[in-house]
C-alpha atoms as a PDB file:
ATOM      1  CA  UNK A   1      -0.633  -5.893   2.048  1.00  0.00           C
ATOM      2  CA  UNK A   2      -0.986  -9.564   1.351  1.00  0.00           C
ATOM      3  CA  UNK A   3      -2.262 -12.115   3.840  1.00  0.00           C
ATOM      4  CA  UNK A   4       1.104 -13.900   4.068  1.00  0.00           C
ATOM      5  CA  UNK A   5       2.801 -10.752   5.431  1.00  0.00           C
ATOM      6  CA  UNK A   6      -0.097 -10.162   7.813  1.00  0.00           C
ATOM      7  CA  UNK A   7       0.168 -13.741   9.114  1.00  0.00           C
ATOM      8  CA  UNK A   8       3.933 -13.366   9.567  1.00  0.00           C
ATOM      9  CA  UNK A   9       3.423 -10.172  11.570  1.00  0.00           C
ATOM     10  CA  UNK A  10       0.822 -11.863  13.780  1.00  0.00           C
ATOM     11  CA  UNK A  11       3.116 -14.862  14.407  1.00  0.00           C
ATOM     12  CA  UNK A  12       5.983 -12.519  15.275  1.00  0.00           C
ATOM     13  CA  UNK A  13       3.818 -10.502  17.659  1.00  0.00           C
ATOM     14  CA  UNK A  14       2.589 -13.671  19.320  1.00  0.00           C
ATOM     15  CA  UNK A  15       6.195 -14.683  20.005  1.00  0.00           C
ATOM     16  CA  UNK A  16       7.135 -11.181  21.196  1.00  0.00           C
ATOM     17  CA  UNK A  17       4.234 -11.245  23.664  1.00  0.00           C
ATOM     18  CA  UNK A  18       5.743 -14.409  25.164  1.00  0.00           C
ATOM     19  CA  UNK A  19       9.214 -12.937  25.689  1.00  0.00           C
ATOM     20  CA  UNK A  20       8.380  -9.282  26.453  1.00  0.00           C
ATOM     21  CA  UNK A  21       6.019  -9.197  29.439  1.00  0.00           C
ATOM     22  CA  UNK A  22       5.603  -5.418  29.164  1.00  0.00           C
ATOM     23  CA  UNK A  23       4.266  -5.531  25.594  1.00  0.00           C
ATOM     24  CA  UNK A  24       0.904  -3.759  25.544  1.00  0.00           C
ATOM     25  CA  UNK A  25       0.453  -2.852  21.879  1.00  0.00           C
ATOM     26  CA  UNK A  26       1.819  -2.925  18.371  1.00  0.00           C
ATOM     27  CA  UNK A  27       1.392  -0.764  15.290  1.00  0.00           C
ATOM     28  CA  UNK A  28       2.430  -1.390  11.729  1.00  0.00           C
ATOM     29  CA  UNK A  29       3.620   1.908  10.246  1.00  0.00           C
ATOM     30  CA  UNK A  30       5.648   3.170   7.336  1.00  0.00           C
ATOM     31  CA  UNK A  31       5.275   1.960   3.768  1.00  0.00           C
ATOM     32  CA  UNK A  32       3.342  -1.209   4.630  1.00  0.00           C
ATOM     33  CA  UNK A  33       0.773   0.725   6.650  1.00  0.00           C
ATOM     34  CA  UNK A  34       0.478   3.294   3.857  1.00  0.00           C
ATOM     35  CA  UNK A  35       0.239   0.492   1.263  1.00  0.00           C
ATOM     36  CA  UNK A  36       3.042   1.912  -0.860  1.00  0.00           C
ATOM     37  CA  UNK A  37       5.680  -0.730  -0.116  1.00  0.00           C
ATOM     38  CA  UNK A  38       8.020  -2.544  -2.477  1.00  0.00           C
ATOM     39  CA  UNK A  39       9.370  -6.081  -2.138  1.00  0.00           C
ATOM     40  CA  UNK A  40      12.530  -4.841  -0.409  1.00  0.00           C
ATOM     41  CA  UNK A  41      10.733  -2.449   1.975  1.00  0.00           C
ATOM     42  CA  UNK A  42      11.166  -2.849   5.719  1.00  0.00           C
ATOM     43  CA  UNK A  43       8.145  -3.955   7.709  1.00  0.00           C
ATOM     44  CA  UNK A  44       8.180  -1.308  10.436  1.00  0.00           C
ATOM     45  CA  UNK A  45       6.460  -2.345  13.649  1.00  0.00           C
ATOM     46  CA  UNK A  46       6.230  -0.122  16.711  1.00  0.00           C
ATOM     47  CA  UNK A  47       6.157  -2.280  19.824  1.00  0.00           C
ATOM     48  CA  UNK A  48       4.607  -0.491  22.770  1.00  0.00           C
ATOM     49  CA  UNK A  49       6.282  -1.613  25.982  1.00  0.00           C
ATOM     50  CA  UNK A  50       5.122  -0.394  29.363  1.00  0.00           C
ATOM     51  CA  UNK A  51       7.775   1.467  31.335  1.00  0.00           C
ATOM     52  CA  UNK A  52      10.547   0.907  28.775  1.00  0.00           C
ATOM     53  CA  UNK A  53      13.512   2.914  30.010  1.00  0.00           C
ATOM     54  CA  UNK A  54      15.719   4.800  27.565  1.00  0.00           C
ATOM     55  CA  UNK A  55      18.686   2.840  28.944  1.00  0.00           C
ATOM     56  CA  UNK A  56      16.955  -0.431  27.952  1.00  0.00           C
ATOM     57  CA  UNK A  57      15.799   0.625  24.485  1.00  0.00           C
ATOM     58  CA  UNK A  58      18.897  -0.421  22.494  1.00  0.00           C
ATOM     59  CA  UNK A  59      19.238  -3.871  24.090  1.00  0.00           C
ATOM     60  CA  UNK A  60      15.507  -4.422  23.695  1.00  0.00           C
ATOM     61  CA  UNK A  61      15.644  -3.478  20.023  1.00  0.00           C
ATOM     62  CA  UNK A  62      18.559  -5.836  19.366  1.00  0.00           C
ATOM     63  CA  UNK A  63      16.727  -8.687  21.107  1.00  0.00           C
ATOM     64  CA  UNK A  64      13.563  -7.984  19.112  1.00  0.00           C
ATOM     65  CA  UNK A  65      15.501  -7.768  15.832  1.00  0.00           C
ATOM     66  CA  UNK A  66      17.125 -11.139  16.453  1.00  0.00           C
ATOM     67  CA  UNK A  67      13.701 -12.598  17.124  1.00  0.00           C
ATOM     68  CA  UNK A  68      12.293 -10.914  13.991  1.00  0.00           C
ATOM     69  CA  UNK A  69      14.977 -12.543  11.841  1.00  0.00           C
ATOM     70  CA  UNK A  70      13.386 -15.914  12.669  1.00  0.00           C
ATOM     71  CA  UNK A  71      10.181 -14.780  10.918  1.00  0.00           C
ATOM     72  CA  UNK A  72      11.115 -12.326   8.144  1.00  0.00           C
ATOM     73  CA  UNK A  73      14.336 -10.373   7.743  1.00  0.00           C
ATOM     74  CA  UNK A  74      12.352  -7.317   6.617  1.00  0.00           C
ATOM     75  CA  UNK A  75      10.657  -6.918  10.015  1.00  0.00           C
ATOM     76  CA  UNK A  76      12.126  -3.912  11.764  1.00  0.00           C
ATOM     77  CA  UNK A  77      10.917  -3.611  15.361  1.00  0.00           C
ATOM     78  CA  UNK A  78      10.829  -0.178  16.983  1.00  0.00           C
ATOM     79  CA  UNK A  79      10.324  -0.442  20.744  1.00  0.00           C
ATOM     80  CA  UNK A  80       8.712   2.606  22.298  1.00  0.00           C
ATOM     81  CA  UNK A  81       7.397   3.129  25.796  1.00  0.00           C
ATOM     82  CA  UNK A  82       3.698   3.679  26.295  1.00  0.00           C
ATOM     83  CA  UNK A  83       4.662   6.976  27.919  1.00  0.00           C
ATOM     84  CA  UNK A  84       6.594   8.120  24.823  1.00  0.00           C
ATOM     85  CA  UNK A  85       3.768   7.039  22.526  1.00  0.00           C
ATOM     86  CA  UNK A  86       1.380   9.377  24.300  1.00  0.00           C
ATOM     87  CA  UNK A  87       3.799  12.312  24.208  1.00  0.00           C
ATOM     88  CA  UNK A  88       2.524  15.091  21.993  1.00  0.00           C
ATOM     89  CA  UNK A  89       6.055  16.425  21.460  1.00  0.00           C
ATOM     90  CA  UNK A  90       7.494  13.163  20.068  1.00  0.00           C
ATOM     91  CA  UNK A  91       7.392  13.252  16.215  1.00  0.00           C
ATOM     92  CA  UNK A  92       8.030   9.498  15.947  1.00  0.00           C
ATOM     93  CA  UNK A  93       5.048   8.798  18.215  1.00  0.00           C
ATOM     94  CA  UNK A  94       2.921  11.275  16.257  1.00  0.00           C
ATOM     95  CA  UNK A  95       3.674   9.395  13.027  1.00  0.00           C
ATOM     96  CA  UNK A  96       2.696   6.080  14.640  1.00  0.00           C
ATOM     97  CA  UNK A  97      -0.552   7.540  15.966  1.00  0.00           C
ATOM     98  CA  UNK A  98      -1.351   9.190  12.620  1.00  0.00           C
ATOM     99  CA  UNK A  99      -0.577   6.406  10.145  1.00  0.00           C
ATOM    100  CA  UNK A 100      -0.139   3.270  12.251  1.00  0.00           C
ATOM    101  CA  UNK A 101      -2.329   0.203  11.896  1.00  0.00           C
ATOM    102  CA  UNK A 102      -2.984  -1.310  15.311  1.00  0.00           C
ATOM    103  CA  UNK A 103      -2.511  -5.032  15.960  1.00  0.00           C
ATOM    104  CA  UNK A 104      -4.198  -6.682  18.898  1.00  0.00           C
ATOM    105  CA  UNK A 105      -1.830  -8.324  21.332  1.00  0.00           C
ATOM    106  CA  UNK A 106      -2.845 -11.703  22.712  1.00  0.00           C
ATOM    107  CA  UNK A 107      -1.417 -11.817  26.207  1.00  0.00           C
ATOM    108  CA  UNK A 108      -0.671 -15.378  27.259  1.00  0.00           C
END
């Protein structure tokens, strides 16, 4: 992954940390994390949000996607609760834990 994409991800995460007080972590996953992306590939980012309720997930994702469009239209945020991330029965969480590249969150 080139430095420009990495910088864009870090800028996006910095902004997310300002508007999502429950953000506790972020992982790049998918083709960018596996380094087999193409120019048109999505930039999949799992955003770990403390106590994210299932009833809030859709609205949170829409809000995060609108914010992502200000940085790079390929960024695809995937909000997941910290509880779901630690679930051993959640295949999505297992994929993030297995192949995800962790980004440090700077809490302001």
